């Protein structure tokens, strides 16, 4: 199973980016998918997750600004990030659980992408 995240880059505060994650080697239709991020010197943290049926969950810090979505047929997961802030600067990772239920804990995810860097300038 491989996850490939893309779409990161440099953006000014208030701007938008859309991250994409493609999964190969495994269906995503039933499984919970998540986005995490890790800023320099900080622990990896949950950003957003989405169930197989499309029910999203968000960290309080991104609620109202970020939107997670998925296309099971294409085995893609997306993270639309609007109103970006400098504190959103981090490496963003997509991840998949091997079970249907969701989790906020990174240790509960079984498969990880390589990460894509998002830098938000002030």
PDB file of N, CA and C in Angstrom:
ATOM      1  N   UNK A   1       0.855  -1.188   0.000  1.00  0.00           N
ATOM      2  CA  UNK A   1       0.000   0.000   0.000  1.00  0.00           C
ATOM      3  C   UNK A   1       0.891   1.239   0.000  1.00  0.00           C
ATOM      4  N   UNK A   2       0.584   2.158  -0.910  1.00  0.00           N
ATOM      5  CA  UNK A   2       1.336   3.406  -0.971  1.00  0.00           C
ATOM      6  C   UNK A   2       0.380   4.574  -1.007  1.00  0.00           C
ATOM      7  N   UNK A   3       0.718   5.614  -0.261  1.00  0.00           N
ATOM      8  CA  UNK A   3      -0.025   6.858  -0.276  1.00  0.00           C
ATOM      9  C   UNK A   3       0.906   7.958  -0.769  1.00  0.00           C
ATOM     10  N   UNK A   4       0.421   8.756  -1.670  1.00  0.00           N
ATOM     11  CA  UNK A   4       1.227   9.824  -2.253  1.00  0.00           C
ATOM     12  C   UNK A   4       0.487  11.137  -2.087  1.00  0.00           C
ATOM     13  N   UNK A   5       1.052  12.008  -1.267  1.00  0.00           N
ATOM     14  CA  UNK A   5       0.449  13.325  -1.041  1.00  0.00           C
ATOM     15  C   UNK A   5       1.110  14.358  -1.934  1.00  0.00           C
ATOM     16  N   UNK A   6       0.328  15.320  -2.361  1.00  0.00           N
ATOM     17  CA  UNK A   6       0.846  16.399  -3.193  1.00  0.00           C
ATOM     18  C   UNK A   6       0.014  17.653  -2.986  1.00  0.00           C
ATOM     19  N   UNK A   7       0.510  18.758  -3.543  1.00  0.00           N
ATOM     20  CA  UNK A   7      -0.257  19.991  -3.498  1.00  0.00           C
ATOM     21  C   UNK A   7       0.261  21.044  -2.544  1.00  0.00           C
ATOM     22  N   UNK A   8       1.290  20.716  -1.790  1.00  0.00           N
ATOM     23  CA  UNK A   8       1.847  21.702  -0.877  1.00  0.00           C
ATOM     24  C   UNK A   8       2.589  22.799  -1.619  1.00  0.00           C
ATOM     25  N   UNK A   9       2.956  23.831  -0.882  1.00  0.00           N
ATOM     26  CA  UNK A   9       3.684  24.931  -1.491  1.00  0.00           C
ATOM     27  C   UNK A   9       3.742  26.125  -0.567  1.00  0.00           C
ATOM     28  N   UNK A  10       4.168  27.236  -1.135  1.00  0.00           N
ATOM     29  CA  UNK A  10       4.272  28.490  -0.384  1.00  0.00           C
ATOM     30  C   UNK A  10       3.086  29.378  -0.728  1.00  0.00           C
ATOM     31  N   UNK A  11       2.413  29.885   0.289  1.00  0.00           N
ATOM     32  CA  UNK A  11       1.251  30.727   0.078  1.00  0.00           C
ATOM     33  C   UNK A  11       1.248  31.822   1.143  1.00  0.00           C
ATOM     34  N   UNK A  12       0.677  32.952   0.802  1.00  0.00           N
ATOM     35  CA  UNK A  12       0.562  34.036   1.762  1.00  0.00           C
ATOM     36  C   UNK A  12      -0.603  33.788   2.711  1.00  0.00           C
ATOM     37  N   UNK A  13      -0.500  34.372   3.879  1.00  0.00           N
ATOM     38  CA  UNK A  13      -1.589  34.265   4.840  1.00  0.00           C
ATOM     39  C   UNK A  13      -2.895  34.732   4.198  1.00  0.00           C
ATOM     40  N   UNK A  14      -3.946  33.985   4.467  1.00  0.00           N
ATOM     41  CA  UNK A  14      -5.234  34.267   3.864  1.00  0.00           C
ATOM     42  C   UNK A  14      -5.486  33.525   2.570  1.00  0.00           C
ATOM     43  N   UNK A  15      -4.444  32.910   2.047  1.00  0.00           N
ATOM     44  CA  UNK A  15      -4.574  32.188   0.799  1.00  0.00           C
ATOM     45  C   UNK A  15      -5.106  30.779   0.971  1.00  0.00           C
ATOM     46  N   UNK A  16      -5.116  30.045  -0.139  1.00  0.00           N
ATOM     47  CA  UNK A  16      -5.687  28.699  -0.160  1.00  0.00           C
ATOM     48  C   UNK A  16      -4.749  27.724  -0.850  1.00  0.00           C
ATOM     49  N   UNK A  17      -4.852  26.485  -0.449  1.00  0.00           N
ATOM     50  CA  UNK A  17      -4.176  25.380  -1.109  1.00  0.00           C
ATOM     51  C   UNK A  17      -5.087  24.161  -1.056  1.00  0.00           C
ATOM     52  N   UNK A  18      -4.916  23.290  -2.016  1.00  0.00           N
ATOM     53  CA  UNK A  18      -5.636  22.030  -2.018  1.00  0.00           C
ATOM     54  C   UNK A  18      -4.631  20.885  -2.059  1.00  0.00           C
ATOM     55  N   UNK A  19      -4.651  20.075  -1.033  1.00  0.00           N
ATOM     56  CA  UNK A  19      -3.801  18.909  -0.979  1.00  0.00           C
ATOM     57  C   UNK A  19      -4.548  17.698  -1.516  1.00  0.00           C
ATOM     58  N   UNK A  20      -3.803  16.827  -2.180  1.00  0.00           N
ATOM     59  CA  UNK A  20      -4.379  15.595  -2.713  1.00  0.00           C
ATOM     60  C   UNK A  20      -3.569  14.406  -2.216  1.00  0.00           C
ATOM     61  N   UNK A  21      -4.235  13.290  -2.092  1.00  0.00           N
ATOM     62  CA  UNK A  21      -3.569  12.054  -1.678  1.00  0.00           C
ATOM     63  C   UNK A  21      -4.158  10.916  -2.489  1.00  0.00           C
ATOM     64  N   UNK A  22      -3.302  10.198  -3.186  1.00  0.00           N
ATOM     65  CA  UNK A  22      -3.745   9.052  -3.965  1.00  0.00           C
ATOM     66  C   UNK A  22      -3.222   7.785  -3.296  1.00  0.00           C
ATOM     67  N   UNK A  23      -4.096   6.787  -3.235  1.00  0.00           N
ATOM     68  CA  UNK A  23      -3.751   5.508  -2.600  1.00  0.00           C
ATOM     69  C   UNK A  23      -3.630   4.445  -3.674  1.00  0.00           C
ATOM     70  N   UNK A  24      -2.578   3.682  -3.616  1.00  0.00           N
ATOM     71  CA  UNK A  24      -2.416   2.568  -4.541  1.00  0.00           C
ATOM     72  C   UNK A  24      -2.183   1.284  -3.745  1.00  0.00           C
ATOM     73  N   UNK A  25      -2.619   0.188  -4.325  1.00  0.00           N
ATOM     74  CA  UNK A  25      -2.395  -1.104  -3.699  1.00  0.00           C
ATOM     75  C   UNK A  25      -3.461  -1.540  -2.718  1.00  0.00           C
ATOM     76  N   UNK A  26      -4.500  -0.690  -2.564  1.00  0.00           N
ATOM     77  CA  UNK A  26      -5.537  -1.012  -1.576  1.00  0.00           C
ATOM     78  C   UNK A  26      -6.738  -0.126  -1.851  1.00  0.00           C
ATOM     79  N   UNK A  27      -7.916  -0.675  -1.723  1.00  0.00           N
ATOM     80  CA  UNK A  27      -9.116   0.137  -1.827  1.00  0.00           C
ATOM     81  C   UNK A  27      -9.215   1.076  -0.622  1.00  0.00           C
ATOM     82  N   UNK A  28      -9.871   2.213  -0.803  1.00  0.00           N
ATOM     83  CA  UNK A  28     -10.079   3.107   0.338  1.00  0.00           C
ATOM     84  C   UNK A  28     -11.534   3.167   0.735  1.00  0.00           C
ATOM     85  N   UNK A  29     -12.390   2.477  -0.012  1.00  0.00           N
ATOM     86  CA  UNK A  29     -13.825   2.674   0.131  1.00  0.00           C
ATOM     87  C   UNK A  29     -14.380   2.500   1.529  1.00  0.00           C
ATOM     88  N   UNK A  30     -13.879   1.549   2.306  1.00  0.00           N
ATOM     89  CA  UNK A  30     -14.443   1.282   3.618  1.00  0.00           C
ATOM     90  C   UNK A  30     -13.678   1.967   4.745  1.00  0.00           C
ATOM     91  N   UNK A  31     -12.491   2.410   4.460  1.00  0.00           N
ATOM     92  CA  UNK A  31     -11.576   2.745   5.536  1.00  0.00           C
ATOM     93  C   UNK A  31     -11.504   4.232   5.835  1.00  0.00           C
ATOM     94  N   UNK A  32     -11.241   4.522   7.090  1.00  0.00           N
ATOM     95  CA  UNK A  32     -11.120   5.889   7.551  1.00  0.00           C
ATOM     96  C   UNK A  32      -9.807   6.475   7.065  1.00  0.00           C
ATOM     97  N   UNK A  33      -9.871   7.682   6.519  1.00  0.00           N
ATOM     98  CA  UNK A  33      -8.702   8.377   6.009  1.00  0.00           C
ATOM     99  C   UNK A  33      -8.476   9.645   6.823  1.00  0.00           C
ATOM    100  N   UNK A  34      -7.232  10.007   6.999  1.00  0.00           N
ATOM    101  CA  UNK A  34      -6.941  11.194   7.780  1.00  0.00           C
ATOM    102  C   UNK A  34      -5.820  12.027   7.197  1.00  0.00           C
ATOM    103  N   UNK A  35      -5.823  13.287   7.579  1.00  0.00           N
ATOM    104  CA  UNK A  35      -4.712  14.194   7.312  1.00  0.00           C
ATOM    105  C   UNK A  35      -4.126  14.619   8.658  1.00  0.00           C
ATOM    106  N   UNK A  36      -2.814  14.563   8.729  1.00  0.00           N
ATOM    107  CA  UNK A  36      -2.088  15.020   9.900  1.00  0.00           C
ATOM    108  C   UNK A  36      -1.063  16.058   9.461  1.00  0.00           C
ATOM    109  N   UNK A  37      -0.520  16.775  10.421  1.00  0.00           N
ATOM    110  CA  UNK A  37       0.556  17.705  10.096  1.00  0.00           C
ATOM    111  C   UNK A  37       1.578  17.721  11.218  1.00  0.00           C
ATOM    112  N   UNK A  38       2.792  18.087  10.838  1.00  0.00           N
ATOM    113  CA  UNK A  38       3.864  18.177  11.811  1.00  0.00           C
ATOM    114  C   UNK A  38       4.706  19.408  11.517  1.00  0.00           C
ATOM    115  N   UNK A  39       4.675  20.337  12.460  1.00  0.00           N
ATOM    116  CA  UNK A  39       5.480  21.537  12.351  1.00  0.00           C
ATOM    117  C   UNK A  39       6.847  21.283  12.980  1.00  0.00           C
ATOM    118  N   UNK A  40       7.854  22.057  12.607  1.00  0.00           N
ATOM    119  CA  UNK A  40       9.193  21.856  13.171  1.00  0.00           C
ATOM    120  C   UNK A  40       9.188  21.927  14.691  1.00  0.00           C
ATOM    121  N   UNK A  41       9.771  20.918  15.312  1.00  0.00           N
ATOM    122  CA  UNK A  41       9.869  20.889  16.761  1.00  0.00           C
ATOM    123  C   UNK A  41       8.600  20.502  17.487  1.00  0.00           C
ATOM    124  N   UNK A  42       7.565  20.123  16.725  1.00  0.00           N
ATOM    125  CA  UNK A  42       6.292  19.762  17.350  1.00  0.00           C
ATOM    126  C   UNK A  42       5.911  18.340  16.996  1.00  0.00           C
ATOM    127  N   UNK A  43       4.988  17.804  17.769  1.00  0.00           N
ATOM    128  CA  UNK A  43       4.494  16.461  17.496  1.00  0.00           C
ATOM    129  C   UNK A  43       3.515  16.484  16.333  1.00  0.00           C
ATOM    130  N   UNK A  44       3.386  15.347  15.702  1.00  0.00           N
ATOM    131  CA  UNK A  44       2.407  15.216  14.630  1.00  0.00           C
ATOM    132  C   UNK A  44       1.007  15.334  15.221  1.00  0.00           C
ATOM    133  N   UNK A  45       0.151  16.096  14.552  1.00  0.00           N
ATOM    134  CA  UNK A  45      -1.192  16.319  15.074  1.00  0.00           C
ATOM    135  C   UNK A  45      -2.251  16.055  14.013  1.00  0.00           C
ATOM    136  N   UNK A  46      -3.393  15.636  14.510  1.00  0.00           N
ATOM    137  CA  UNK A  46      -4.548  15.380  13.654  1.00  0.00           C
ATOM    138  C   UNK A  46      -5.077  16.694  13.095  1.00  0.00           C
ATOM    139  N   UNK A  47      -5.400  16.677  11.814  1.00  0.00           N
ATOM    140  CA  UNK A  47      -5.992  17.847  11.161  1.00  0.00           C
ATOM    141  C   UNK A  47      -7.442  17.570  10.789  1.00  0.00           C
ATOM    142  N   UNK A  48      -7.667  16.487  10.063  1.00  0.00           N
ATOM    143  CA  UNK A  48      -9.011  16.155   9.604  1.00  0.00           C
ATOM    144  C   UNK A  48      -9.059  14.682   9.263  1.00  0.00           C
ATOM    145  N   UNK A  49     -10.267  14.117   9.364  1.00  0.00           N
ATOM    146  CA  UNK A  49     -10.475  12.731   8.996  1.00  0.00           C
ATOM    147  C   UNK A  49     -11.819  12.577   8.333  1.00  0.00           C
ATOM    148  N   UNK A  50     -11.971  11.485   7.592  1.00  0.00           N
ATOM    149  CA  UNK A  50     -13.225  11.260   6.889  1.00  0.00           C
ATOM    150  C   UNK A  50     -13.515   9.774   6.836  1.00  0.00           C
ATOM    151  N   UNK A  51     -14.757   9.421   7.150  1.00  0.00           N
ATOM    152  CA  UNK A  51     -15.154   8.026   7.135  1.00  0.00           C
ATOM    153  C   UNK A  51     -15.386   7.549   5.705  1.00  0.00           C
ATOM    154  N   UNK A  52     -15.554   6.246   5.550  1.00  0.00           N
ATOM    155  CA  UNK A  52     -15.816   5.685   4.236  1.00  0.00           C
ATOM    156  C   UNK A  52     -17.094   6.218   3.601  1.00  0.00           C
ATOM    157  N   UNK A  53     -18.039   6.612   4.441  1.00  0.00           N
ATOM    158  CA  UNK A  53     -19.308   7.155   3.941  1.00  0.00           C
ATOM    159  C   UNK A  53     -19.268   8.667   3.773  1.00  0.00           C
ATOM    160  N   UNK A  54     -18.111   9.273   4.069  1.00  0.00           N
ATOM    161  CA  UNK A  54     -17.955  10.696   3.813  1.00  0.00           C
ATOM    162  C   UNK A  54     -18.214  11.625   4.983  1.00  0.00           C
ATOM    163  N   UNK A  55     -18.303  11.106   6.175  1.00  0.00           N
ATOM    164  CA  UNK A  55     -18.527  11.950   7.354  1.00  0.00           C
ATOM    165  C   UNK A  55     -17.190  12.510   7.827  1.00  0.00           C
ATOM    166  N   UNK A  56     -17.064  13.846   7.873  1.00  0.00           N
ATOM    167  CA  UNK A  56     -15.787  14.445   8.228  1.00  0.00           C
ATOM    168  C   UNK A  56     -15.662  14.764   9.717  1.00  0.00           C
ATOM    169  N   UNK A  57     -14.424  14.868  10.153  1.00  0.00           N
ATOM    170  CA  UNK A  57     -14.096  15.343  11.489  1.00  0.00           C
ATOM    171  C   UNK A  57     -12.908  16.282  11.360  1.00  0.00           C
ATOM    172  N   UNK A  58     -12.878  17.313  12.195  1.00  0.00           N
ATOM    173  CA  UNK A  58     -11.822  18.309  12.099  1.00  0.00           C
ATOM    174  C   UNK A  58     -11.253  18.647  13.466  1.00  0.00           C
ATOM    175  N   UNK A  59      -9.984  18.999  13.467  1.00  0.00           N
ATOM    176  CA  UNK A  59      -9.401  19.588  14.653  1.00  0.00           C
ATOM    177  C   UNK A  59     -10.000  20.978  14.832  1.00  0.00           C
ATOM    178  N   UNK A  60     -10.127  21.408  16.077  1.00  0.00           N
ATOM    179  CA  UNK A  60     -10.726  22.721  16.344  1.00  0.00           C
ATOM    180  C   UNK A  60      -9.949  23.839  15.647  1.00  0.00           C
ATOM    181  N   UNK A  61      -8.662  23.658  15.512  1.00  0.00           N
ATOM    182  CA  UNK A  61      -7.818  24.717  14.949  1.00  0.00           C
ATOM    183  C   UNK A  61      -8.075  24.967  13.471  1.00  0.00           C
ATOM    184  N   UNK A  62      -8.696  24.028  12.775  1.00  0.00           N
ATOM    185  CA  UNK A  62      -8.928  24.189  11.342  1.00  0.00           C
ATOM    186  C   UNK A  62     -10.407  24.191  10.987  1.00  0.00           C
ATOM    187  N   UNK A  63     -11.252  23.983  11.961  1.00  0.00           N
ATOM    188  CA  UNK A  63     -12.686  23.907  11.698  1.00  0.00           C
ATOM    189  C   UNK A  63     -13.180  25.210  11.086  1.00  0.00           C
ATOM    190  N   UNK A  64     -13.940  25.101  10.010  1.00  0.00           N
ATOM    191  CA  UNK A  64     -14.449  26.281   9.327  1.00  0.00           C
ATOM    192  C   UNK A  64     -13.524  26.815   8.253  1.00  0.00           C
ATOM    193  N   UNK A  65     -12.278  26.333   8.232  1.00  0.00           N
ATOM    194  CA  UNK A  65     -11.311  26.795   7.227  1.00  0.00           C
ATOM    195  C   UNK A  65     -10.897  25.660   6.276  1.00  0.00           C
ATOM    196  N   UNK A  66     -10.813  24.456   6.784  1.00  0.00           N
ATOM    197  CA  UNK A  66     -10.387  23.307   5.991  1.00  0.00           C
ATOM    198  C   UNK A  66     -11.577  22.400   5.702  1.00  0.00           C
ATOM    199  N   UNK A  67     -11.526  21.742   4.537  1.00  0.00           N
ATOM    200  CA  UNK A  67     -12.557  20.785   4.163  1.00  0.00           C
ATOM    201  C   UNK A  67     -11.893  19.525   3.620  1.00  0.00           C
ATOM    202  N   UNK A  68     -12.242  18.405   4.217  1.00  0.00           N
ATOM    203  CA  UNK A  68     -11.734  17.120   3.746  1.00  0.00           C
ATOM    204  C   UNK A  68     -12.794  16.451   2.889  1.00  0.00           C
ATOM    205  N   UNK A  69     -12.365  15.785   1.846  1.00  0.00           N
ATOM    206  CA  UNK A  69     -13.295  15.063   0.977  1.00  0.00           C
ATOM    207  C   UNK A  69     -12.580  13.850   0.402  1.00  0.00           C
ATOM    208  N   UNK A  70     -13.361  12.988  -0.199  1.00  0.00           N
ATOM    209  CA  UNK A  70     -12.772  11.776  -0.768  1.00  0.00           C
ATOM    210  C   UNK A  70     -13.528  11.346  -2.010  1.00  0.00           C
ATOM    211  N   UNK A  71     -12.810  10.668  -2.894  1.00  0.00           N
ATOM    212  CA  UNK A  71     -13.394  10.069  -4.091  1.00  0.00           C
ATOM    213  C   UNK A  71     -12.965   8.608  -4.061  1.00  0.00           C
ATOM    214  N   UNK A  72     -13.861   7.750  -3.597  1.00  0.00           N
ATOM    215  CA  UNK A  72     -13.479   6.355  -3.400  1.00  0.00           C
ATOM    216  C   UNK A  72     -13.145   5.660  -4.711  1.00  0.00           C
ATOM    217  N   UNK A  73     -13.848   6.015  -5.769  1.00  0.00           N
ATOM    218  CA  UNK A  73     -13.596   5.378  -7.065  1.00  0.00           C
ATOM    219  C   UNK A  73     -12.193   5.688  -7.569  1.00  0.00           C
ATOM    220  N   UNK A  74     -11.748   6.897  -7.320  1.00  0.00           N
ATOM    221  CA  UNK A  74     -10.414   7.300  -7.757  1.00  0.00           C
ATOM    222  C   UNK A  74      -9.343   7.023  -6.700  1.00  0.00           C
ATOM    223  N   UNK A  75      -9.778   6.576  -5.538  1.00  0.00           N
ATOM    224  CA  UNK A  75      -8.876   6.318  -4.411  1.00  0.00           C
ATOM    225  C   UNK A  75      -8.083   7.573  -4.056  1.00  0.00           C
ATOM    226  N   UNK A  76      -8.826   8.668  -3.961  1.00  0.00           N
ATOM    227  CA  UNK A  76      -8.239   9.970  -3.676  1.00  0.00           C
ATOM    228  C   UNK A  76      -8.866  10.564  -2.430  1.00  0.00           C
ATOM    229  N   UNK A  77      -8.058  11.292  -1.675  1.00  0.00           N
ATOM    230  CA  UNK A  77      -8.529  12.078  -0.545  1.00  0.00           C
ATOM    231  C   UNK A  77      -7.967  13.485  -0.713  1.00  0.00           C
ATOM    232  N   UNK A  78      -8.787  14.482  -0.383  1.00  0.00           N
ATOM    233  CA  UNK A  78      -8.401  15.862  -0.600  1.00  0.00           C
ATOM    234  C   UNK A  78      -8.508  16.652   0.707  1.00  0.00           C
ATOM    235  N   UNK A  79      -7.722  17.704   0.784  1.00  0.00           N
ATOM    236  CA  UNK A  79      -7.836  18.646   1.893  1.00  0.00           C
ATOM    237  C   UNK A  79      -7.790  20.055   1.313  1.00  0.00           C
ATOM    238  N   UNK A  80      -8.946  20.685   1.274  1.00  0.00           N
ATOM    239  CA  UNK A  80      -9.033  22.078   0.828  1.00  0.00           C
ATOM    240  C   UNK A  80      -8.762  22.972   2.020  1.00  0.00           C
ATOM    241  N   UNK A  81      -7.751  23.806   1.903  1.00  0.00           N
ATOM    242  CA  UNK A  81      -7.341  24.668   3.006  1.00  0.00           C
ATOM    243  C   UNK A  81      -7.522  26.125   2.603  1.00  0.00           C
ATOM    244  N   UNK A  82      -8.412  26.804   3.284  1.00  0.00           N
ATOM    245  CA  UNK A  82      -8.692  28.216   3.024  1.00  0.00           C
ATOM    246  C   UNK A  82      -8.295  29.057   4.232  1.00  0.00           C
ATOM    247  N   UNK A  83      -8.187  30.341   4.013  1.00  0.00           N
ATOM    248  CA  UNK A  83      -7.848  31.286   5.089  1.00  0.00           C
ATOM    249  C   UNK A  83      -6.628  30.806   5.868  1.00  0.00           C
ATOM    250  N   UNK A  84      -5.614  30.441   5.140  1.00  0.00           N
ATOM    251  CA  UNK A  84      -4.424  29.877   5.775  1.00  0.00           C
ATOM    252  C   UNK A  84      -3.726  30.894   6.656  1.00  0.00           C
ATOM    253  N   UNK A  85      -3.151  30.387   7.740  1.00  0.00           N
ATOM    254  CA  UNK A  85      -2.442  31.201   8.717  1.00  0.00           C
ATOM    255  C   UNK A  85      -0.991  30.723   8.825  1.00  0.00           C
ATOM    256  N   UNK A  86      -0.103  31.586   9.254  1.00  0.00           N
ATOM    257  CA  UNK A  86       1.298  31.140   9.420  1.00  0.00           C
ATOM    258  C   UNK A  86       1.420  29.910  10.315  1.00  0.00           C
ATOM    259  N   UNK A  87       0.553  29.785  11.295  1.00  0.00           N
ATOM    260  CA  UNK A  87       0.616  28.622  12.186  1.00  0.00           C
ATOM    261  C   UNK A  87       0.166  27.329  11.528  1.00  0.00           C
ATOM    262  N   UNK A  88      -0.330  27.408  10.304  1.00  0.00           N
ATOM    263  CA  UNK A  88      -0.656  26.198   9.544  1.00  0.00           C
ATOM    264  C   UNK A  88       0.583  25.624   8.848  1.00  0.00           C
ATOM    265  N   UNK A  89       1.690  26.328   8.911  1.00  0.00           N
ATOM    266  CA  UNK A  89       2.915  25.861   8.285  1.00  0.00           C
ATOM    267  C   UNK A  89       3.362  24.538   8.901  1.00  0.00           C
ATOM    268  N   UNK A  90       3.534  23.526   8.043  1.00  0.00           N
ATOM    269  CA  UNK A  90       3.885  22.190   8.523  1.00  0.00           C
ATOM    270  C   UNK A  90       4.048  21.269   7.320  1.00  0.00           C
ATOM    271  N   UNK A  91       4.555  20.096   7.595  1.00  0.00           N
ATOM    272  CA  UNK A  91       4.490  19.008   6.615  1.00  0.00           C
ATOM    273  C   UNK A  91       3.164  18.280   6.848  1.00  0.00           C
ATOM    274  N   UNK A  92       2.411  18.136   5.805  1.00  0.00           N
ATOM    275  CA  UNK A  92       1.097  17.500   5.886  1.00  0.00           C
ATOM    276  C   UNK A  92       1.183  16.072   5.349  1.00  0.00           C
ATOM    277  N   UNK A  93       0.607  15.157   6.113  1.00  0.00           N
ATOM    278  CA  UNK A  93       0.624  13.741   5.767  1.00  0.00           C
ATOM    279  C   UNK A  93      -0.788  13.199   5.626  1.00  0.00           C
ATOM    280  N   UNK A  94      -1.003  12.379   4.615  1.00  0.00           N
ATOM    281  CA  UNK A  94      -2.254  11.626   4.557  1.00  0.00           C
ATOM    282  C   UNK A  94      -1.990  10.235   5.113  1.00  0.00           C
ATOM    283  N   UNK A  95      -3.032   9.652   5.663  1.00  0.00           N
ATOM    284  CA  UNK A  95      -2.888   8.357   6.309  1.00  0.00           C
ATOM    285  C   UNK A  95      -4.183   7.570   6.203  1.00  0.00           C
ATOM    286  N   UNK A  96      -4.047   6.265   6.263  1.00  0.00           N
ATOM    287  CA  UNK A  96      -5.205   5.389   6.162  1.00  0.00           C
ATOM    288  C   UNK A  96      -5.195   4.396   7.318  1.00  0.00           C
ATOM    289  N   UNK A  97      -6.369   4.162   7.860  1.00  0.00           N
ATOM    290  CA  UNK A  97      -6.504   3.127   8.876  1.00  0.00           C
ATOM    291  C   UNK A  97      -6.828   1.791   8.179  1.00  0.00           C
ATOM    292  N   UNK A  98      -6.501   0.723   8.835  1.00  0.00           N
ATOM    293  CA  UNK A  98      -6.821  -0.611   8.314  1.00  0.00           C
ATOM    294  C   UNK A  98      -8.193  -1.065   8.783  1.00  0.00           C
ATOM    295  N   UNK A  99      -8.911  -0.188   9.484  1.00  0.00           N
ATOM    296  CA  UNK A  99     -10.256  -0.499   9.956  1.00  0.00           C
ATOM    297  C   UNK A  99     -11.190   0.633   9.561  1.00  0.00           C
ATOM    298  N   UNK A 100     -12.471   0.422   9.801  1.00  0.00           N
ATOM    299  CA  UNK A 100     -13.469   1.396   9.365  1.00  0.00           C
ATOM    300  C   UNK A 100     -13.582   2.580  10.317  1.00  0.00           C
ATOM    301  N   UNK A 101     -13.400   2.331  11.594  1.00  0.00           N
ATOM    302  CA  UNK A 101     -13.605   3.373  12.592  1.00  0.00           C
ATOM    303  C   UNK A 101     -12.524   4.441  12.526  1.00  0.00           C
ATOM    304  N   UNK A 102     -12.889   5.638  13.003  1.00  0.00           N
ATOM    305  CA  UNK A 102     -11.969   6.757  12.956  1.00  0.00           C
ATOM    306  C   UNK A 102     -11.145   6.891  14.214  1.00  0.00           C
ATOM    307  N   UNK A 103     -10.121   7.739  14.132  1.00  0.00           N
ATOM    308  CA  UNK A 103      -9.265   8.002  15.276  1.00  0.00           C
ATOM    309  C   UNK A 103      -8.542   9.317  15.067  1.00  0.00           C
ATOM    310  N   UNK A 104      -8.236   9.978  16.192  1.00  0.00           N
ATOM    311  CA  UNK A 104      -7.446  11.194  16.159  1.00  0.00           C
ATOM    312  C   UNK A 104      -5.964  10.910  16.410  1.00  0.00           C
ATOM    313  N   UNK A 105      -5.656   9.691  16.766  1.00  0.00           N
ATOM    314  CA  UNK A 105      -4.293   9.358  17.161  1.00  0.00           C
ATOM    315  C   UNK A 105      -3.491   8.836  15.973  1.00  0.00           C
ATOM    316  N   UNK A 106      -2.342   9.406  15.770  1.00  0.00           N
ATOM    317  CA  UNK A 106      -1.512   8.984  14.643  1.00  0.00           C
ATOM    318  C   UNK A 106      -1.093   7.523  14.769  1.00  0.00           C
ATOM    319  N   UNK A 107      -0.933   7.035  15.978  1.00  0.00           N
ATOM    320  CA  UNK A 107      -0.504   5.645  16.181  1.00  0.00           C
ATOM    321  C   UNK A 107      -1.562   4.638  15.732  1.00  0.00           C
ATOM    322  N   UNK A 108      -2.779   5.108  15.522  1.00  0.00           N
ATOM    323  CA  UNK A 108      -3.863   4.219  15.083  1.00  0.00           C
ATOM    324  C   UNK A 108      -3.930   4.067  13.566  1.00  0.00           C
ATOM    325  N   UNK A 109      -3.075   4.772  12.851  1.00  0.00           N
ATOM    326  CA  UNK A 109      -3.088   4.707  11.392  1.00  0.00           C
ATOM    327  C   UNK A 109      -2.004   3.757  10.912  1.00  0.00           C
ATOM    328  N   UNK A 110      -2.349   3.005   9.887  1.00  0.00           N
ATOM    329  CA  UNK A 110      -1.490   1.918   9.451  1.00  0.00           C
ATOM    330  C   UNK A 110      -0.622   2.264   8.236  1.00  0.00           C
ATOM    331  N   UNK A 111      -1.113   3.156   7.416  1.00  0.00           N
ATOM    332  CA  UNK A 111      -0.401   3.493   6.181  1.00  0.00           C
ATOM    333  C   UNK A 111      -0.259   5.002   6.080  1.00  0.00           C
ATOM    334  N   UNK A 112       0.923   5.438   5.645  1.00  0.00           N
ATOM    335  CA  UNK A 112       1.233   6.857   5.604  1.00  0.00           C
ATOM    336  C   UNK A 112       1.854   7.252   4.270  1.00  0.00           C
ATOM    337  N   UNK A 113       1.532   8.466   3.851  1.00  0.00           N
ATOM    338  CA  UNK A 113       2.207   9.051   2.717  1.00  0.00           C
ATOM    339  C   UNK A 113       3.498   9.722   3.159  1.00  0.00           C
ATOM    340  N   UNK A 114       4.216  10.266   2.209  1.00  0.00           N
ATOM    341  CA  UNK A 114       5.539  10.821   2.485  1.00  0.00           C
ATOM    342  C   UNK A 114       5.494  12.251   2.983  1.00  0.00           C
ATOM    343  N   UNK A 115       4.363  12.898   2.879  1.00  0.00           N
ATOM    344  CA  UNK A 115       4.236  14.268   3.362  1.00  0.00           C
ATOM    345  C   UNK A 115       4.463  15.297   2.269  1.00  0.00           C
ATOM    346  N   UNK A 116       3.774  16.411   2.409  1.00  0.00           N
ATOM    347  CA  UNK A 116       3.946  17.531   1.499  1.00  0.00           C
ATOM    348  C   UNK A 116       4.022  18.808   2.337  1.00  0.00           C
ATOM    349  N   UNK A 117       4.978  19.669   2.027  1.00  0.00           N
ATOM    350  CA  UNK A 117       5.250  20.839   2.846  1.00  0.00           C
ATOM    351  C   UNK A 117       4.343  22.004   2.474  1.00  0.00           C
ATOM    352  N   UNK A 118       3.708  22.558   3.479  1.00  0.00           N
ATOM    353  CA  UNK A 118       2.897  23.762   3.332  1.00  0.00           C
ATOM    354  C   UNK A 118       3.561  24.868   4.139  1.00  0.00           C
ATOM    355  N   UNK A 119       3.861  25.967   3.473  1.00  0.00           N
ATOM    356  CA  UNK A 119       4.473  27.110   4.140  1.00  0.00           C
ATOM    357  C   UNK A 119       3.587  28.321   3.927  1.00  0.00           C
ATOM    358  N   UNK A 120       3.158  28.931   5.020  1.00  0.00           N
ATOM    359  CA  UNK A 120       2.289  30.095   4.953  1.00  0.00           C
ATOM    360  C   UNK A 120       3.070  31.293   5.478  1.00  0.00           C
ATOM    361  N   UNK A 121       3.262  32.265   4.622  1.00  0.00           N
ATOM    362  CA  UNK A 121       4.021  33.453   5.001  1.00  0.00           C
ATOM    363  C   UNK A 121       3.084  34.537   5.517  1.00  0.00           C
ATOM    364  N   UNK A 122       3.588  35.341   6.442  1.00  0.00           N
ATOM    365  CA  UNK A 122       2.768  36.398   7.041  1.00  0.00           C
ATOM    366  C   UNK A 122       2.875  37.693   6.257  1.00  0.00           C
TER     367      UNK A 122
END
